[in-house]
Structure formats: C-alpha cells, structure tokens
Amino acid sequence: MKDVGAAAGLIAIFAMASFGILKLLFGTVCWITSHDPVEAAVGSIAPVVFGGLIGVEAYRWFKTWRSGDL
C-alpha cells in the first residue's frame, strides 16, 4: 500500500506542475488572440486533461529512470 501512495503522490505532483504550466500557456494564447467563449472553454478544460496525462507519463518515465532501465 505504501508503493501505491508514493506513486499517487508523484503522479499528483507531476500532474499539478504540468497543469500550472499548461494553464499559463493556454491562458496567454487566449489573452493574446482574444478567443471566443467556445475556445476559452476548451482552453480551460484541456490543461486538466493534458495535465493528468502528462503526470502519469512523467511518473512512468521517472520510475524507469530510477530503475536504470533507460
């Protein structure tokens, strides 16, 4: 159970970091180009989805790197 908690914690850390970066990037593009409401909605949802996916992939890469299988 300890391994599951550690894995979930690392995934959460990686996901939140990538979410913050993506939100900043999407927000900047939205602000510069004056998007309409539909594009703004997609720009609000996409960082959540991509942040989670990046978090899982970063965890898998980190786990492989730590084990020395690279």
PDB file of N, CA and C in Angstrom:
ATOM      1  N   MET A   1       0.821  -1.192   0.000  1.00  0.00           N
ATOM      2  CA  MET A   1       0.000   0.000   0.000  1.00  0.00           C
ATOM      3  C   MET A   1       0.866   1.258   0.000  1.00  0.00           C
ATOM      4  N   LYS A   2       2.034   1.166   0.598  1.00  0.00           N
ATOM      5  CA  LYS A   2       2.934   2.305   0.637  1.00  0.00           C
ATOM      6  C   LYS A   2       3.372   2.700  -0.767  1.00  0.00           C
ATOM      7  N   ASP A   3       3.617   1.712  -1.627  1.00  0.00           N
ATOM      8  CA  ASP A   3       4.029   1.991  -3.006  1.00  0.00           C
ATOM      9  C   ASP A   3       2.939   2.700  -3.794  1.00  0.00           C
ATOM     10  N   VAL A   4       1.692   2.301  -3.551  1.00  0.00           N
ATOM     11  CA  VAL A   4       0.567   2.944  -4.250  1.00  0.00           C
ATOM     12  C   VAL A   4       0.451   4.409  -3.831  1.00  0.00           C
ATOM     13  N   GLY A   5       0.616   4.661  -2.548  1.00  0.00           N
ATOM     14  CA  GLY A   5       0.544   6.042  -2.061  1.00  0.00           C
ATOM     15  C   GLY A   5       1.672   6.900  -2.609  1.00  0.00           C
ATOM     16  N   ALA A   6       2.874   6.316  -2.668  1.00  0.00           N
ATOM     17  CA  ALA A   6       4.015   7.054  -3.220  1.00  0.00           C
ATOM     18  C   ALA A   6       3.813   7.339  -4.700  1.00  0.00           C
ATOM     19  N   ALA A   7       3.307   6.344  -5.429  1.00  0.00           N
ATOM     20  CA  ALA A   7       3.049   6.529  -6.858  1.00  0.00           C
ATOM     21  C   ALA A   7       1.988   7.603  -7.082  1.00  0.00           C
ATOM     22  N   ALA A   8       0.914   7.552  -6.311  1.00  0.00           N
ATOM     23  CA  ALA A   8      -0.153   8.545  -6.446  1.00  0.00           C
ATOM     24  C   ALA A   8       0.360   9.945  -6.112  1.00  0.00           C
ATOM     25  N   GLY A   9       1.211  10.038  -5.105  1.00  0.00           N
ATOM     26  CA  GLY A   9       1.779  11.333  -4.749  1.00  0.00           C
ATOM     27  C   GLY A   9       2.647  11.913  -5.848  1.00  0.00           C
ATOM     28  N   LEU A  10       3.501  11.077  -6.430  1.00  0.00           N
ATOM     29  CA  LEU A  10       4.360  11.554  -7.525  1.00  0.00           C
ATOM     30  C   LEU A  10       3.538  11.938  -8.750  1.00  0.00           C
ATOM     31  N   ILE A  11       2.529  11.133  -9.064  1.00  0.00           N
ATOM     32  CA  ILE A  11       1.666  11.466 -10.197  1.00  0.00           C
ATOM     33  C   ILE A  11       0.972  12.800  -9.950  1.00  0.00           C
ATOM     34  N   ALA A  12       0.497  13.015  -8.731  1.00  0.00           N
ATOM     35  CA  ALA A  12      -0.171  14.278  -8.402  1.00  0.00           C
ATOM     36  C   ALA A  12       0.781  15.458  -8.520  1.00  0.00           C
ATOM     37  N   ILE A  13       2.013  15.292  -8.058  1.00  0.00           N
ATOM     38  CA  ILE A  13       2.992  16.382  -8.157  1.00  0.00           C
ATOM     39  C   ILE A  13       3.288  16.718  -9.609  1.00  0.00           C
ATOM     40  N   PHE A  14       3.563  15.687 -10.420  1.00  0.00           N
ATOM     41  CA  PHE A  14       3.847  15.914 -11.837  1.00  0.00           C
ATOM     42  C   PHE A  14       2.633  16.498 -12.553  1.00  0.00           C
ATOM     43  N   ALA A  15       1.441  16.009 -12.240  1.00  0.00           N
ATOM     44  CA  ALA A  15       0.226  16.500 -12.900  1.00  0.00           C
ATOM     45  C   ALA A  15      -0.041  17.961 -12.542  1.00  0.00           C
ATOM     46  N   MET A  16       0.126  18.317 -11.285  1.00  0.00           N
ATOM     47  CA  MET A  16      -0.133  19.701 -10.884  1.00  0.00           C
ATOM     48  C   MET A  16       0.885  20.660 -11.484  1.00  0.00           C
ATOM     49  N   ALA A  17       2.141  20.230 -11.566  1.00  0.00           N
ATOM     50  CA  ALA A  17       3.156  21.090 -12.188  1.00  0.00           C
ATOM     51  C   ALA A  17       2.845  21.296 -13.669  1.00  0.00           C
ATOM     52  N   SER A  18       2.514  20.213 -14.367  1.00  0.00           N
ATOM     53  CA  SER A  18       2.212  20.352 -15.798  1.00  0.00           C
ATOM     54  C   SER A  18       0.911  21.121 -16.009  1.00  0.00           C
ATOM     55  N   PHE A  19      -0.068  20.948 -15.116  1.00  0.00           N
ATOM     56  CA  PHE A  19      -1.308  21.715 -15.214  1.00  0.00           C
ATOM     57  C   PHE A  19      -1.033  23.213 -15.120  1.00  0.00           C
ATOM     58  N   GLY A  20      -0.202  23.590 -14.158  1.00  0.00           N
ATOM     59  CA  GLY A  20       0.121  25.004 -13.992  1.00  0.00           C
ATOM     60  C   GLY A  20       0.800  25.593 -15.215  1.00  0.00           C
ATOM     61  N   ILE A  21       1.737  24.861 -15.762  1.00  0.00           N
ATOM     62  CA  ILE A  21       2.448  25.339 -16.953  1.00  0.00           C
ATOM     63  C   ILE A  21       1.505  25.429 -18.139  1.00  0.00           C
ATOM     64  N   LEU A  22       0.688  24.379 -18.348  1.00  0.00           N
ATOM     65  CA  LEU A  22      -0.249  24.394 -19.476  1.00  0.00           C
ATOM     66  C   LEU A  22      -1.303  25.487 -19.316  1.00  0.00           C
ATOM     67  N   LYS A  23      -1.795  25.684 -18.096  1.00  0.00           N
ATOM     68  CA  LYS A  23      -2.799  26.724 -17.871  1.00  0.00           C
ATOM     69  C   LYS A  23      -2.234  28.103 -18.199  1.00  0.00           C
ATOM     70  N   LEU A  24      -0.991  28.317 -17.819  1.00  0.00           N
ATOM     71  CA  LEU A  24      -0.335  29.581 -18.133  1.00  0.00           C
ATOM     72  C   LEU A  24      -0.179  29.753 -19.641  1.00  0.00           C
ATOM     73  N   LEU A  25       0.248  28.709 -20.329  1.00  0.00           N
ATOM     74  CA  LEU A  25       0.417  28.790 -21.782  1.00  0.00           C
ATOM     75  C   LEU A  25      -0.911  28.998 -22.504  1.00  0.00           C
ATOM     76  N   PHE A  26      -1.923  28.195 -22.156  1.00  0.00           N
ATOM     77  CA  PHE A  26      -3.227  28.346 -22.798  1.00  0.00           C
ATOM     78  C   PHE A  26      -3.837  29.712 -22.480  1.00  0.00           C
ATOM     79  N   GLY A  27      -3.694  30.171 -21.242  1.00  0.00           N
ATOM     80  CA  GLY A  27      -4.231  31.477 -20.864  1.00  0.00           C
ATOM     81  C   GLY A  27      -3.556  32.615 -21.610  1.00  0.00           C
ATOM     82  N   THR A  28      -2.248  32.497 -21.799  1.00  0.00           N
ATOM     83  CA  THR A  28      -1.518  33.527 -22.534  1.00  0.00           C
ATOM     84  C   THR A  28      -1.965  33.593 -23.981  1.00  0.00           C
ATOM     85  N   VAL A  29      -2.089  32.435 -24.616  1.00  0.00           N
ATOM     86  CA  VAL A  29      -2.550  32.404 -26.016  1.00  0.00           C
ATOM     87  C   VAL A  29      -3.965  32.959 -26.107  1.00  0.00           C
ATOM     88  N   CYS A  30      -4.811  32.585 -25.168  1.00  0.00           N
ATOM     89  CA  CYS A  30      -6.195  33.068 -25.177  1.00  0.00           C
ATOM     90  C   CYS A  30      -6.240  34.590 -24.995  1.00  0.00           C
ATOM     91  N   TRP A  31      -5.430  35.108 -24.116  1.00  0.00           N
ATOM     92  CA  TRP A  31      -5.408  36.537 -23.856  1.00  0.00           C
ATOM     93  C   TRP A  31      -4.874  37.313 -25.062  1.00  0.00           C
ATOM     94  N   ILE A  32      -3.811  36.800 -25.682  1.00  0.00           N
ATOM     95  CA  ILE A  32      -3.197  37.495 -26.818  1.00  0.00           C
ATOM     96  C   ILE A  32      -4.105  37.496 -28.034  1.00  0.00           C
ATOM     97  N   THR A  33      -4.774  36.376 -28.299  1.00  0.00           N
ATOM     98  CA  THR A  33      -5.560  36.254 -29.536  1.00  0.00           C
ATOM     99  C   THR A  33      -7.041  36.574 -29.354  1.00  0.00           C
ATOM    100  N   SER A  34      -7.486  36.908 -28.150  1.00  0.00           N
ATOM    101  CA  SER A  34      -8.888  37.258 -27.871  1.00  0.00           C
ATOM    102  C   SER A  34      -9.858  36.205 -28.392  1.00  0.00           C
ATOM    103  N   HIS A  35      -9.755  35.006 -27.847  1.00  0.00           N
ATOM    104  CA  HIS A  35     -10.612  33.906 -28.281  1.00  0.00           C
ATOM    105  C   HIS A  35     -12.060  34.122 -27.892  1.00  0.00           C
ATOM    106  N   ASP A  36     -12.942  33.408 -28.621  1.00  0.00           N
ATOM    107  CA  ASP A  36     -14.360  33.452 -28.298  1.00  0.00           C
ATOM    108  C   ASP A  36     -14.659  32.489 -27.129  1.00  0.00           C
ATOM    109  N   PRO A  37     -15.879  32.476 -26.605  1.00  0.00           N
ATOM    110  CA  PRO A  37     -16.191  31.651 -25.427  1.00  0.00           C
ATOM    111  C   PRO A  37     -15.964  30.144 -25.613  1.00  0.00           C
ATOM    112  N   VAL A  38     -16.220  29.611 -26.797  1.00  0.00           N
ATOM    113  CA  VAL A  38     -16.010  28.175 -27.020  1.00  0.00           C
ATOM    114  C   VAL A  38     -14.519  27.844 -26.932  1.00  0.00           C
ATOM    115  N   GLU A  39     -13.705  28.627 -27.548  1.00  0.00           N
ATOM    116  CA  GLU A  39     -12.258  28.392 -27.478  1.00  0.00           C
ATOM    117  C   GLU A  39     -11.746  28.598 -26.058  1.00  0.00           C
ATOM    118  N   ALA A  40     -12.323  29.522 -25.328  1.00  0.00           N
ATOM    119  CA  ALA A  40     -11.936  29.738 -23.940  1.00  0.00           C
ATOM    120  C   ALA A  40     -12.309  28.534 -23.079  1.00  0.00           C
ATOM    121  N   ALA A  41     -13.457  27.925 -23.359  1.00  0.00           N
ATOM    122  CA  ALA A  41     -13.872  26.726 -22.616  1.00  0.00           C
ATOM    123  C   ALA A  41     -12.928  25.562 -22.877  1.00  0.00           C
ATOM    124  N   VAL A  42     -12.549  25.372 -24.132  1.00  0.00           N
ATOM    125  CA  VAL A  42     -11.600  24.318 -24.468  1.00  0.00           C
ATOM    126  C   VAL A  42     -10.257  24.610 -23.812  1.00  0.00           C
ATOM    127  N   GLY A  43      -9.863  25.859 -23.808  1.00  0.00           N
ATOM    128  CA  GLY A  43      -8.616  26.254 -23.166  1.00  0.00           C
ATOM    129  C   GLY A  43      -8.632  26.053 -21.660  1.00  0.00           C
ATOM    130  N   SER A  44      -9.819  26.007 -21.066  1.00  0.00           N
ATOM    131  CA  SER A  44      -9.935  25.759 -19.632  1.00  0.00           C
ATOM    132  C   SER A  44      -9.930  24.268 -19.307  1.00  0.00           C
ATOM    133  N   ILE A  45     -10.460  23.452 -20.190  1.00  0.00           N
ATOM    134  CA  ILE A  45     -10.566  22.014 -19.954  1.00  0.00           C
ATOM    135  C   ILE A  45      -9.301  21.276 -20.380  1.00  0.00           C
ATOM    136  N   ALA A  46      -8.683  21.688 -21.447  1.00  0.00           N
ATOM    137  CA  ALA A  46      -7.518  20.980 -21.991  1.00  0.00           C
ATOM    138  C   ALA A  46      -6.362  20.856 -20.993  1.00  0.00           C
ATOM    139  N   PRO A  47      -6.009  21.880 -20.229  1.00  0.00           N
ATOM    140  CA  PRO A  47      -4.913  21.697 -19.268  1.00  0.00           C
ATOM    141  C   PRO A  47      -5.203  20.646 -18.205  1.00  0.00           C
ATOM    142  N   VAL A  48      -6.458  20.483 -17.831  1.00  0.00           N
ATOM    143  CA  VAL A  48      -6.815  19.469 -16.839  1.00  0.00           C
ATOM    144  C   VAL A  48      -6.553  18.080 -17.413  1.00  0.00           C
ATOM    145  N   VAL A  49      -7.032  17.841 -18.629  1.00  0.00           N
ATOM    146  CA  VAL A  49      -6.856  16.534 -19.263  1.00  0.00           C
ATOM    147  C   VAL A  49      -5.380  16.275 -19.564  1.00  0.00           C
ATOM    148  N   PHE A  50      -4.747  17.220 -20.211  1.00  0.00           N
ATOM    149  CA  PHE A  50      -3.333  17.035 -20.549  1.00  0.00           C
ATOM    150  C   PHE A  50      -2.452  16.976 -19.310  1.00  0.00           C
ATOM    151  N   GLY A  51      -2.793  17.743 -18.274  1.00  0.00           N
ATOM    152  CA  GLY A  51      -2.023  17.709 -17.031  1.00  0.00           C
ATOM    153  C   GLY A  51      -2.028  16.331 -16.402  1.00  0.00           C
ATOM    154  N   GLY A  52      -3.190  15.694 -16.374  1.00  0.00           N
ATOM    155  CA  GLY A  52      -3.283  14.333 -15.845  1.00  0.00           C
ATOM    156  C   GLY A  52      -2.493  13.335 -16.663  1.00  0.00           C
ATOM    157  N   LEU A  53      -2.621  13.436 -17.971  1.00  0.00           N
ATOM    158  CA  LEU A  53      -1.879  12.520 -18.845  1.00  0.00           C
ATOM    159  C   LEU A  53      -0.368  12.723 -18.731  1.00  0.00           C
ATOM    160  N   ILE A  54       0.061  13.949 -18.675  1.00  0.00           N
ATOM    161  CA  ILE A  54       1.489  14.237 -18.525  1.00  0.00           C
ATOM    162  C   ILE A  54       1.983  13.754 -17.167  1.00  0.00           C
ATOM    163  N   GLY A  55       1.154  13.885 -16.134  1.00  0.00           N
ATOM    164  CA  GLY A  55       1.530  13.414 -14.807  1.00  0.00           C
ATOM    165  C   GLY A  55       1.787  11.920 -14.779  1.00  0.00           C
ATOM    166  N   VAL A  56       0.909  11.148 -15.407  1.00  0.00           N
ATOM    167  CA  VAL A  56       1.087   9.694 -15.457  1.00  0.00           C
ATOM    168  C   VAL A  56       2.318   9.336 -16.279  1.00  0.00           C
ATOM    169  N   GLU A  57       2.484   9.967 -17.415  1.00  0.00           N
ATOM    170  CA  GLU A  57       3.643   9.658 -18.263  1.00  0.00           C
ATOM    171  C   GLU A  57       4.952  10.071 -17.601  1.00  0.00           C
ATOM    172  N   ALA A  58       4.961  11.206 -16.920  1.00  0.00           N
ATOM    173  CA  ALA A  58       6.171  11.637 -16.212  1.00  0.00           C
ATOM    174  C   ALA A  58       6.511  10.665 -15.095  1.00  0.00           C
ATOM    175  N   TYR A  59       5.496  10.162 -14.395  1.00  0.00           N
ATOM    176  CA  TYR A  59       5.739   9.158 -13.354  1.00  0.00           C
ATOM    177  C   TYR A  59       6.338   7.898 -13.948  1.00  0.00           C
ATOM    178  N   ARG A  60       5.794   7.433 -15.066  1.00  0.00           N
ATOM    179  CA  ARG A  60       6.327   6.218 -15.705  1.00  0.00           C
ATOM    180  C   ARG A  60       7.763   6.427 -16.158  1.00  0.00           C
ATOM    181  N   TRP A  61       8.069   7.605 -16.711  1.00  0.00           N
ATOM    182  CA  TRP A  61       9.439   7.890 -17.125  1.00  0.00           C
ATOM    183  C   TRP A  61      10.356   7.951 -15.914  1.00  0.00           C
ATOM    184  N   PHE A  62       9.908   8.623 -14.845  1.00  0.00           N
ATOM    185  CA  PHE A  62      10.706   8.753 -13.632  1.00  0.00           C
ATOM    186  C   PHE A  62      10.990   7.386 -13.015  1.00  0.00           C
ATOM    187  N   LYS A  63       9.990   6.508 -13.004  1.00  0.00           N
ATOM    188  CA  LYS A  63      10.152   5.165 -12.449  1.00  0.00           C
ATOM    189  C   LYS A  63      11.166   4.367 -13.271  1.00  0.00           C
ATOM    190  N   THR A  64      11.102   4.462 -14.587  1.00  0.00           N
ATOM    191  CA  THR A  64      12.058   3.773 -15.457  1.00  0.00           C
ATOM    192  C   THR A  64      13.453   4.341 -15.282  1.00  0.00           C
ATOM    193  N   TRP A  65      13.562   5.642 -15.185  1.00  0.00           N
ATOM    194  CA  TRP A  65      14.860   6.291 -14.996  1.00  0.00           C
ATOM    195  C   TRP A  65      15.500   5.871 -13.680  1.00  0.00           C
ATOM    196  N   ARG A  66      14.700   5.825 -12.608  1.00  0.00           N
ATOM    197  CA  ARG A  66      15.213   5.431 -11.293  1.00  0.00           C
ATOM    198  C   ARG A  66      15.678   3.985 -11.266  1.00  0.00           C
ATOM    199  N   SER A  67      15.013   3.121 -12.037  1.00  0.00           N
ATOM    200  CA  SER A  67      15.399   1.704 -12.034  1.00  0.00           C
ATOM    201  C   SER A  67      16.622   1.438 -12.893  1.00  0.00           C
ATOM    202  N   GLY A  68      17.032   2.405 -13.712  1.00  0.00           N
ATOM    203  CA  GLY A  68      18.222   2.267 -14.543  1.00  0.00           C
ATOM    204  C   GLY A  68      17.985   1.515 -15.831  1.00  0.00           C
ATOM    205  N   ASP A  69      16.728   1.379 -16.254  1.00  0.00           N
ATOM    206  CA  ASP A  69      16.398   0.639 -17.477  1.00  0.00           C
ATOM    207  C   ASP A  69      16.475   1.496 -18.733  1.00  0.00           C
ATOM    208  N   LEU A  70      16.922   2.721 -18.620  1.00  0.00           N
ATOM    209  CA  LEU A  70      16.972   3.595 -19.805  1.00  0.00           C
ATOM    210  C   LEU A  70      18.051   3.203 -20.729  1.00  0.00           C
TER     211      LEU A  70
END
